[in-house]
Amino acid sequence: MIRPARPADRPRLRAIQTVSLAEPWPELLETAVDGAGVVRVVTAPDASGTTADTAVDAASGDTDQPVGYAVALPKDEAAYLAEIAVAPAHRRQGHGSHLLGDLLAGFAAEGFERAWLTVRVDDRGARAFYETHDFRVRALLPHHYEDGDGLELVRPLQ
């Protein structure tokens, strides 16, 4: 299931961010959850109907815990996809594709013209993921990351 992030999701999202990203940016996640961006989470129930890899909130019975998230920052006619991260135990199950598809469909419906993001030049997995979702290289970004170059990828939405 995909849903908007809630303030109560912060600890779980931060944990996913920490293990998933080479250069985590906690401030981005915090301000986005507070409403400065669009944050969607994906949850994944296990066979027993509870969310795998997470503790159930005993007080509320909540099993709706995130296993991945995406942060986007819409501005003018474009949406910047700042982060997509999925917990290691839940990767390669389509969660990232579902999150990305949800964001792109929402932005297209709102009239945004394009989506864009950055990836490390040497991150072949991320590049292949985004290429399968019709993103194309628009520019080389020398020294974009602390330890290397980046690429700007873009995809039309209309």
N, C-alpha and C. Protein backbone atom coordinates (compact mmCIF):
# COMPACT_ATOMS: atom_id res chain seq x y z
N MET A 1 0.84 -1.17 0.00
CA MET A 1 0.00 0.00 0.00
C MET A 1 0.89 1.24 0.00
N ILE A 2 0.49 2.26 -0.74
CA ILE A 2 1.19 3.53 -0.75
C ILE A 2 0.29 4.57 -0.11
N ARG A 3 0.90 5.39 0.76
CA ARG A 3 0.15 6.42 1.47
C ARG A 3 1.07 7.59 1.74
N PRO A 4 0.49 8.75 2.09
CA PRO A 4 1.34 9.88 2.50
C PRO A 4 2.06 9.55 3.80
N ALA A 5 3.23 10.12 3.95
CA ALA A 5 3.98 9.95 5.20
C ALA A 5 3.28 10.71 6.32
N ARG A 6 3.45 10.18 7.53
CA ARG A 6 2.91 10.81 8.73
C ARG A 6 4.07 11.14 9.66
N PRO A 7 3.91 12.15 10.52
CA PRO A 7 4.99 12.46 11.47
C PRO A 7 5.44 11.25 12.29
N ALA A 8 4.53 10.35 12.62
CA ALA A 8 4.90 9.16 13.39
C ALA A 8 5.82 8.21 12.62
N ASP A 9 5.91 8.38 11.30
CA ASP A 9 6.78 7.54 10.47
C ASP A 9 8.24 7.94 10.55
N ARG A 10 8.53 9.10 11.09
CA ARG A 10 9.90 9.64 11.05
C ARG A 10 10.98 8.66 11.48
N PRO A 11 10.87 8.00 12.65
CA PRO A 11 11.96 7.11 13.05
C PRO A 11 12.21 5.99 12.04
N ARG A 12 11.16 5.39 11.52
CA ARG A 12 11.32 4.31 10.55
C ARG A 12 11.90 4.83 9.25
N LEU A 13 11.44 5.98 8.77
CA LEU A 13 11.97 6.56 7.53
C LEU A 13 13.43 6.92 7.69
N ARG A 14 13.78 7.46 8.83
CA ARG A 14 15.19 7.82 9.07
C ARG A 14 16.06 6.57 9.09
N ALA A 15 15.56 5.48 9.68
CA ALA A 15 16.32 4.23 9.69
C ALA A 15 16.52 3.70 8.27
N ILE A 16 15.49 3.76 7.46
CA ILE A 16 15.60 3.31 6.05
C ILE A 16 16.59 4.20 5.32
N GLN A 17 16.51 5.50 5.54
CA GLN A 17 17.41 6.45 4.88
C GLN A 17 18.87 6.14 5.23
N THR A 18 19.12 5.90 6.51
CA THR A 18 20.49 5.67 6.98
C THR A 18 21.12 4.44 6.34
N VAL A 19 20.38 3.35 6.22
CA VAL A 19 20.96 2.12 5.65
C VAL A 19 20.92 2.09 4.13
N SER A 20 20.15 2.99 3.51
CA SER A 20 19.95 2.92 2.07
C SER A 20 20.77 3.90 1.25
N LEU A 21 21.09 5.05 1.81
CA LEU A 21 21.70 6.10 1.02
C LEU A 21 23.15 6.34 1.41
N ALA A 22 23.99 6.55 0.39
CA ALA A 22 25.41 6.80 0.64
C ALA A 22 25.64 8.13 1.36
N GLU A 23 24.82 9.13 1.05
CA GLU A 23 24.92 10.44 1.70
C GLU A 23 23.54 10.82 2.24
N PRO A 24 23.12 10.23 3.37
CA PRO A 24 21.80 10.56 3.93
C PRO A 24 21.68 12.05 4.24
N TRP A 25 20.50 12.57 4.05
CA TRP A 25 20.23 13.99 4.30
C TRP A 25 19.02 14.07 5.23
N PRO A 26 19.23 13.89 6.54
CA PRO A 26 18.12 13.84 7.48
C PRO A 26 17.25 15.10 7.48
N GLU A 27 17.86 16.26 7.27
CA GLU A 27 17.10 17.51 7.27
C GLU A 27 16.07 17.54 6.15
N LEU A 28 16.43 17.01 4.99
CA LEU A 28 15.49 16.95 3.87
C LEU A 28 14.27 16.12 4.26
N LEU A 29 14.52 14.96 4.81
CA LEU A 29 13.44 14.07 5.21
C LEU A 29 12.55 14.73 6.26
N GLU A 30 13.15 15.35 7.24
CA GLU A 30 12.39 16.01 8.31
C GLU A 30 11.49 17.11 7.76
N THR A 31 12.06 18.01 6.96
CA THR A 31 11.26 19.13 6.45
C THR A 31 10.22 18.66 5.45
N ALA A 32 10.53 17.63 4.68
CA ALA A 32 9.55 17.12 3.72
C ALA A 32 8.35 16.50 4.43
N VAL A 33 8.60 15.73 5.49
CA VAL A 33 7.49 15.14 6.25
C VAL A 33 6.64 16.24 6.88
N ASP A 34 7.27 17.35 7.23
CA ASP A 34 6.54 18.48 7.81
C ASP A 34 5.72 19.26 6.79
N GLY A 35 5.81 18.89 5.51
CA GLY A 35 4.98 19.54 4.51
C GLY A 35 5.72 20.37 3.49
N ALA A 36 7.05 20.41 3.54
CA ALA A 36 7.81 21.19 2.57
C ALA A 36 8.02 20.43 1.27
N GLY A 37 7.51 19.23 1.17
CA GLY A 37 7.64 18.42 -0.02
C GLY A 37 6.53 17.39 -0.04
N VAL A 38 6.65 16.45 -0.94
CA VAL A 38 5.70 15.35 -1.05
C VAL A 38 6.43 14.09 -0.62
N VAL A 39 5.92 13.41 0.39
CA VAL A 39 6.54 12.17 0.87
C VAL A 39 5.49 11.08 0.84
N ARG A 40 5.80 10.01 0.12
CA ARG A 40 4.94 8.84 0.07
C ARG A 40 5.71 7.67 0.66
N VAL A 41 4.99 6.80 1.36
CA VAL A 41 5.61 5.59 1.91
C VAL A 41 4.90 4.38 1.33
N VAL A 42 5.63 3.28 1.29
CA VAL A 42 5.05 2.01 0.88
C VAL A 42 5.13 1.08 2.08
N THR A 43 4.06 0.35 2.31
CA THR A 43 4.02 -0.63 3.38
C THR A 43 3.86 -2.00 2.75
N ALA A 44 4.32 -3.02 3.44
CA ALA A 44 4.28 -4.37 2.88
C ALA A 44 3.93 -5.37 3.96
N PRO A 45 2.67 -5.81 4.03
CA PRO A 45 2.32 -6.83 5.02
C PRO A 45 2.98 -8.16 4.71
N ASP A 46 3.37 -8.88 5.75
CA ASP A 46 3.90 -10.23 5.54
C ASP A 46 2.74 -11.23 5.51
N ALA A 47 3.06 -12.49 5.48
CA ALA A 47 2.04 -13.53 5.34
C ALA A 47 1.04 -13.54 6.50
N SER A 48 1.44 -13.07 7.67
CA SER A 48 0.53 -13.07 8.82
C SER A 48 -0.37 -11.85 8.84
N GLY A 49 -0.15 -10.90 7.88
CA GLY A 49 -0.96 -9.70 7.84
C GLY A 49 -0.35 -8.54 8.59
N THR A 50 0.79 -8.78 9.27
CA THR A 50 1.48 -7.68 9.93
C THR A 50 2.60 -7.21 9.01
N THR A 51 3.16 -6.06 9.30
CA THR A 51 4.21 -5.53 8.45
C THR A 51 5.53 -6.17 8.83
N ALA A 52 6.17 -6.75 7.84
CA ALA A 52 7.44 -7.42 8.07
C ALA A 52 8.52 -6.42 8.45
N ASP A 53 9.47 -6.85 9.25
CA ASP A 53 10.63 -6.04 9.63
C ASP A 53 10.29 -4.87 10.52
N THR A 54 9.11 -4.78 11.05
CA THR A 54 8.76 -3.65 11.91
C THR A 54 8.02 -4.16 13.12
N ALA A 55 8.03 -3.37 14.14
CA ALA A 55 7.27 -3.71 15.34
C ALA A 55 5.87 -3.13 15.22
N VAL A 56 4.90 -3.86 15.69
CA VAL A 56 3.52 -3.39 15.69
C VAL A 56 3.35 -2.46 16.88
N ASP A 57 2.73 -1.32 16.65
CA ASP A 57 2.43 -0.38 17.74
C ASP A 57 1.33 -1.00 18.59
N ALA A 58 1.70 -1.45 19.76
CA ALA A 58 0.75 -2.16 20.62
C ALA A 58 -0.43 -1.29 21.03
N ALA A 59 -0.20 -0.02 21.20
CA ALA A 59 -1.29 0.87 21.65
C ALA A 59 -2.35 1.05 20.58
N SER A 60 -1.93 1.16 19.32
CA SER A 60 -2.90 1.44 18.26
C SER A 60 -3.20 0.23 17.39
N GLY A 61 -2.38 -0.83 17.52
CA GLY A 61 -2.56 -1.98 16.64
C GLY A 61 -2.10 -1.69 15.23
N ASP A 62 -1.31 -0.63 15.05
CA ASP A 62 -0.88 -0.18 13.72
C ASP A 62 0.12 -1.15 13.11
N THR A 63 -0.22 -1.72 11.98
CA THR A 63 0.71 -2.56 11.23
C THR A 63 1.06 -1.88 9.91
N ASP A 64 0.79 -0.61 9.81
CA ASP A 64 0.96 0.16 8.60
C ASP A 64 2.31 0.88 8.60
N GLN A 65 3.38 0.15 8.89
CA GLN A 65 4.70 0.74 8.98
C GLN A 65 5.40 0.73 7.63
N PRO A 66 6.13 1.81 7.31
CA PRO A 66 6.82 1.90 6.01
C PRO A 66 7.96 0.90 5.86
N VAL A 67 8.12 0.40 4.64
CA VAL A 67 9.30 -0.37 4.26
C VAL A 67 10.09 0.39 3.20
N GLY A 68 9.56 1.52 2.73
CA GLY A 68 10.25 2.37 1.78
C GLY A 68 9.56 3.71 1.70
N TYR A 69 10.24 4.67 1.09
CA TYR A 69 9.66 6.00 0.96
C TYR A 69 10.24 6.71 -0.25
N ALA A 70 9.56 7.76 -0.67
CA ALA A 70 10.04 8.64 -1.74
C ALA A 70 9.74 10.07 -1.34
N VAL A 71 10.69 10.96 -1.61
CA VAL A 71 10.54 12.39 -1.34
C VAL A 71 10.65 13.13 -2.66
N ALA A 72 9.71 14.02 -2.93
CA ALA A 72 9.75 14.87 -4.12
C ALA A 72 9.49 16.31 -3.71
N LEU A 73 10.11 17.21 -4.45
CA LEU A 73 9.96 18.64 -4.20
C LEU A 73 9.44 19.29 -5.48
N PRO A 74 8.14 19.52 -5.55
CA PRO A 74 7.58 20.14 -6.76
C PRO A 74 7.83 21.65 -6.78
N LYS A 75 8.17 22.15 -7.96
CA LYS A 75 8.39 23.58 -8.12
C LYS A 75 8.13 23.97 -9.57
N ASP A 76 7.32 24.99 -9.73
CA ASP A 76 6.96 25.48 -11.06
C ASP A 76 6.39 24.33 -11.90
N GLU A 77 7.01 24.03 -13.04
CA GLU A 77 6.47 22.98 -13.91
C GLU A 77 7.18 21.64 -13.74
N ALA A 78 8.11 21.55 -12.77
CA ALA A 78 8.90 20.33 -12.61
C ALA A 78 8.83 19.81 -11.18
N ALA A 79 9.03 18.51 -11.04
CA ALA A 79 9.09 17.88 -9.73
C ALA A 79 10.47 17.24 -9.58
N TYR A 80 11.19 17.64 -8.56
CA TYR A 80 12.49 17.07 -8.27
C TYR A 80 12.31 15.87 -7.36
N LEU A 81 12.75 14.69 -7.81
CA LEU A 81 12.67 13.47 -7.00
C LEU A 81 13.96 13.40 -6.19
N ALA A 82 13.85 13.79 -4.93
CA ALA A 82 15.03 13.95 -4.09
C ALA A 82 15.56 12.63 -3.53
N GLU A 83 14.67 11.73 -3.12
CA GLU A 83 15.10 10.45 -2.55
C GLU A 83 14.05 9.38 -2.78
N ILE A 84 14.53 8.19 -3.09
CA ILE A 84 13.71 6.98 -3.05
C ILE A 84 14.56 5.94 -2.35
N ALA A 85 14.01 5.35 -1.31
CA ALA A 85 14.77 4.36 -0.53
C ALA A 85 13.83 3.26 -0.06
N VAL A 86 14.34 2.03 -0.12
CA VAL A 86 13.58 0.86 0.34
C VAL A 86 14.48 0.08 1.30
N ALA A 87 13.90 -0.37 2.41
CA ALA A 87 14.65 -1.16 3.39
C ALA A 87 15.27 -2.38 2.71
N PRO A 88 16.48 -2.75 3.08
CA PRO A 88 17.18 -3.86 2.41
C PRO A 88 16.37 -5.14 2.30
N ALA A 89 15.65 -5.54 3.33
CA ALA A 89 14.89 -6.79 3.29
C ALA A 89 13.71 -6.75 2.32
N HIS A 90 13.38 -5.56 1.81
CA HIS A 90 12.20 -5.41 0.94
C HIS A 90 12.55 -4.97 -0.47
N ARG A 91 13.82 -4.97 -0.79
CA ARG A 91 14.25 -4.56 -2.13
C ARG A 91 13.96 -5.64 -3.16
N ARG A 92 13.89 -5.21 -4.40
CA ARG A 92 13.69 -6.10 -5.56
C ARG A 92 12.33 -6.79 -5.51
N GLN A 93 11.36 -6.10 -4.91
CA GLN A 93 9.99 -6.61 -4.84
C GLN A 93 9.00 -5.65 -5.49
N GLY A 94 9.51 -4.61 -6.15
CA GLY A 94 8.66 -3.66 -6.84
C GLY A 94 8.25 -2.44 -6.04
N HIS A 95 8.71 -2.34 -4.79
CA HIS A 95 8.29 -1.21 -3.96
C HIS A 95 8.77 0.13 -4.50
N GLY A 96 10.03 0.19 -4.95
CA GLY A 96 10.55 1.43 -5.52
C GLY A 96 9.80 1.83 -6.77
N SER A 97 9.49 0.86 -7.62
CA SER A 97 8.73 1.15 -8.84
C SER A 97 7.33 1.65 -8.52
N HIS A 98 6.70 1.05 -7.51
CA HIS A 98 5.36 1.51 -7.12
C HIS A 98 5.40 2.94 -6.57
N LEU A 99 6.39 3.24 -5.74
CA LEU A 99 6.53 4.59 -5.20
C LEU A 99 6.75 5.60 -6.33
N LEU A 100 7.67 5.28 -7.22
CA LEU A 100 7.97 6.17 -8.33
C LEU A 100 6.74 6.37 -9.21
N GLY A 101 6.06 5.29 -9.53
CA GLY A 101 4.87 5.38 -10.36
C GLY A 101 3.78 6.23 -9.73
N ASP A 102 3.60 6.09 -8.42
CA ASP A 102 2.61 6.87 -7.70
C ASP A 102 2.94 8.36 -7.78
N LEU A 103 4.19 8.71 -7.52
CA LEU A 103 4.59 10.11 -7.59
C LEU A 103 4.43 10.68 -8.99
N LEU A 104 4.91 9.95 -9.99
CA LEU A 104 4.85 10.45 -11.37
C LEU A 104 3.41 10.63 -11.83
N ALA A 105 2.55 9.68 -11.51
CA ALA A 105 1.13 9.79 -11.90
C ALA A 105 0.48 10.99 -11.22
N GLY A 106 0.79 11.20 -9.95
CA GLY A 106 0.24 12.33 -9.23
C GLY A 106 0.69 13.66 -9.82
N PHE A 107 1.97 13.77 -10.12
CA PHE A 107 2.47 15.01 -10.69
C PHE A 107 1.94 15.24 -12.10
N ALA A 108 1.81 14.19 -12.88
CA ALA A 108 1.24 14.33 -14.22
C ALA A 108 -0.20 14.82 -14.13
N ALA A 109 -0.97 14.25 -13.21
CA ALA A 109 -2.38 14.65 -13.04
C ALA A 109 -2.49 16.11 -12.60
N GLU A 110 -1.49 16.60 -11.87
CA GLU A 110 -1.50 17.99 -11.41
C GLU A 110 -0.97 18.95 -12.47
N GLY A 111 -0.54 18.42 -13.62
CA GLY A 111 -0.10 19.28 -14.72
C GLY A 111 1.39 19.56 -14.79
N PHE A 112 2.19 18.89 -13.97
CA PHE A 112 3.63 19.10 -14.06
C PHE A 112 4.14 18.59 -15.40
N GLU A 113 5.12 19.28 -15.96
CA GLU A 113 5.64 18.93 -17.29
C GLU A 113 6.70 17.85 -17.26
N ARG A 114 7.51 17.84 -16.19
CA ARG A 114 8.61 16.87 -16.15
C ARG A 114 9.00 16.56 -14.70
N ALA A 115 9.72 15.46 -14.57
CA ALA A 115 10.32 15.07 -13.29
C ALA A 115 11.82 14.95 -13.55
N TRP A 116 12.60 15.27 -12.54
CA TRP A 116 14.05 15.14 -12.68
C TRP A 116 14.67 14.70 -11.37
N LEU A 117 15.89 14.19 -11.47
CA LEU A 117 16.61 13.68 -10.30
C LEU A 117 18.08 13.62 -10.61
N THR A 118 18.87 13.32 -9.60
CA THR A 118 20.29 13.12 -9.80
C THR A 118 20.70 11.74 -9.28
N VAL A 119 21.68 11.15 -9.94
CA VAL A 119 22.26 9.88 -9.52
C VAL A 119 23.77 9.97 -9.68
N ARG A 120 24.46 9.13 -8.96
CA ARG A 120 25.91 9.03 -9.13
C ARG A 120 26.22 8.41 -10.48
N VAL A 121 27.24 8.91 -11.14
CA VAL A 121 27.64 8.38 -12.44
C VAL A 121 27.92 6.89 -12.34
N ASP A 122 28.56 6.46 -11.26
CA ASP A 122 28.96 5.05 -11.14
C ASP A 122 27.91 4.15 -10.50
N ASP A 123 26.72 4.65 -10.23
CA ASP A 123 25.65 3.83 -9.64
C ASP A 123 24.82 3.19 -10.76
N ARG A 124 25.33 2.11 -11.28
CA ARG A 124 24.68 1.44 -12.42
C ARG A 124 23.28 0.93 -12.08
N GLY A 125 23.10 0.46 -10.85
CA GLY A 125 21.79 -0.04 -10.45
C GLY A 125 20.73 1.05 -10.47
N ALA A 126 21.05 2.20 -9.89
CA ALA A 126 20.09 3.32 -9.88
C ALA A 126 19.83 3.81 -11.29
N ARG A 127 20.88 3.92 -12.08
CA ARG A 127 20.70 4.39 -13.46
C ARG A 127 19.81 3.44 -14.24
N ALA A 128 20.02 2.14 -14.09
CA ALA A 128 19.19 1.16 -14.81
C ALA A 128 17.74 1.24 -14.33
N PHE A 129 17.54 1.40 -13.03
CA PHE A 129 16.19 1.52 -12.47
C PHE A 129 15.47 2.70 -13.13
N TYR A 130 16.09 3.86 -13.13
CA TYR A 130 15.42 5.04 -13.67
C TYR A 130 15.26 4.97 -15.19
N GLU A 131 16.21 4.37 -15.87
CA GLU A 131 16.07 4.20 -17.33
C GLU A 131 14.88 3.32 -17.67
N THR A 132 14.60 2.31 -16.86
CA THR A 132 13.42 1.46 -17.12
C THR A 132 12.12 2.23 -16.91
N HIS A 133 12.22 3.37 -16.23
CA HIS A 133 11.05 4.22 -16.00
C HIS A 133 11.10 5.47 -16.88
N ASP A 134 11.81 5.36 -17.99
CA ASP A 134 11.86 6.39 -19.04
C ASP A 134 12.59 7.67 -18.67
N PHE A 135 13.47 7.64 -17.70
CA PHE A 135 14.33 8.79 -17.43
C PHE A 135 15.53 8.71 -18.36
N ARG A 136 15.98 9.88 -18.81
CA ARG A 136 17.13 9.96 -19.71
C ARG A 136 18.12 10.98 -19.17
N VAL A 137 19.39 10.77 -19.49
CA VAL A 137 20.45 11.68 -19.04
C VAL A 137 20.28 13.03 -19.72
N ARG A 138 20.27 14.08 -18.90
CA ARG A 138 20.21 15.43 -19.43
C ARG A 138 21.54 16.16 -19.28
N ALA A 139 22.27 15.88 -18.20
CA ALA A 139 23.52 16.59 -17.99
C ALA A 139 24.45 15.82 -17.06
N LEU A 140 25.75 15.99 -17.28
CA LEU A 140 26.78 15.52 -16.36
C LEU A 140 26.97 16.61 -15.31
N LEU A 141 27.06 16.20 -14.04
CA LEU A 141 27.22 17.14 -12.93
C LEU A 141 28.56 16.85 -12.23
N PRO A 142 29.64 17.47 -12.71
CA PRO A 142 30.95 17.21 -12.11
C PRO A 142 30.97 17.58 -10.62
N HIS A 143 31.55 16.71 -9.81
CA HIS A 143 31.73 16.93 -8.37
C HIS A 143 30.40 17.18 -7.64
N HIS A 144 29.33 16.63 -8.14
CA HIS A 144 28.02 16.84 -7.52
C HIS A 144 27.92 16.19 -6.14
N TYR A 145 28.57 15.06 -5.98
CA TYR A 145 28.57 14.34 -4.71
C TYR A 145 29.93 14.51 -4.04
N GLU A 146 29.97 14.27 -2.74
CA GLU A 146 31.22 14.42 -2.00
C GLU A 146 32.35 13.58 -2.61
N ASP A 147 31.99 12.41 -3.15
CA ASP A 147 33.02 11.51 -3.66
C ASP A 147 32.92 11.24 -5.16
N GLY A 148 32.26 12.12 -5.90
CA GLY A 148 32.22 11.87 -7.33
C GLY A 148 31.20 12.68 -8.09
N ASP A 149 31.14 12.37 -9.37
CA ASP A 149 30.26 13.08 -10.30
C ASP A 149 28.85 12.52 -10.26
N GLY A 150 27.93 13.32 -10.73
CA GLY A 150 26.55 12.90 -10.82
C GLY A 150 26.01 13.08 -12.23
N LEU A 151 24.83 12.58 -12.43
CA LEU A 151 24.10 12.78 -13.67
C LEU A 151 22.73 13.34 -13.33
N GLU A 152 22.26 14.26 -14.13
CA GLU A 152 20.89 14.73 -14.02
C GLU A 152 20.07 13.93 -15.01
N LEU A 153 19.02 13.29 -14.52
CA LEU A 153 18.11 12.52 -15.36
C LEU A 153 16.77 13.23 -15.38
N VAL A 154 16.09 13.17 -16.52
CA VAL A 154 14.81 13.85 -16.67
C VAL A 154 13.83 12.95 -17.42
N ARG A 155 12.57 13.17 -17.15
CA ARG A 155 11.50 12.43 -17.82
C ARG A 155 10.30 13.36 -18.00
N PRO A 156 9.77 13.42 -19.23
CA PRO A 156 8.55 14.22 -19.42
C PRO A 156 7.36 13.54 -18.74
N LEU A 157 6.42 14.35 -18.29
CA LEU A 157 5.22 13.81 -17.63
C LEU A 157 3.96 14.03 -18.47
N GLN A 158 4.02 14.87 -19.44
CA GLN A 158 2.85 15.16 -20.27
C GLN A 158 3.04 14.60 -21.67
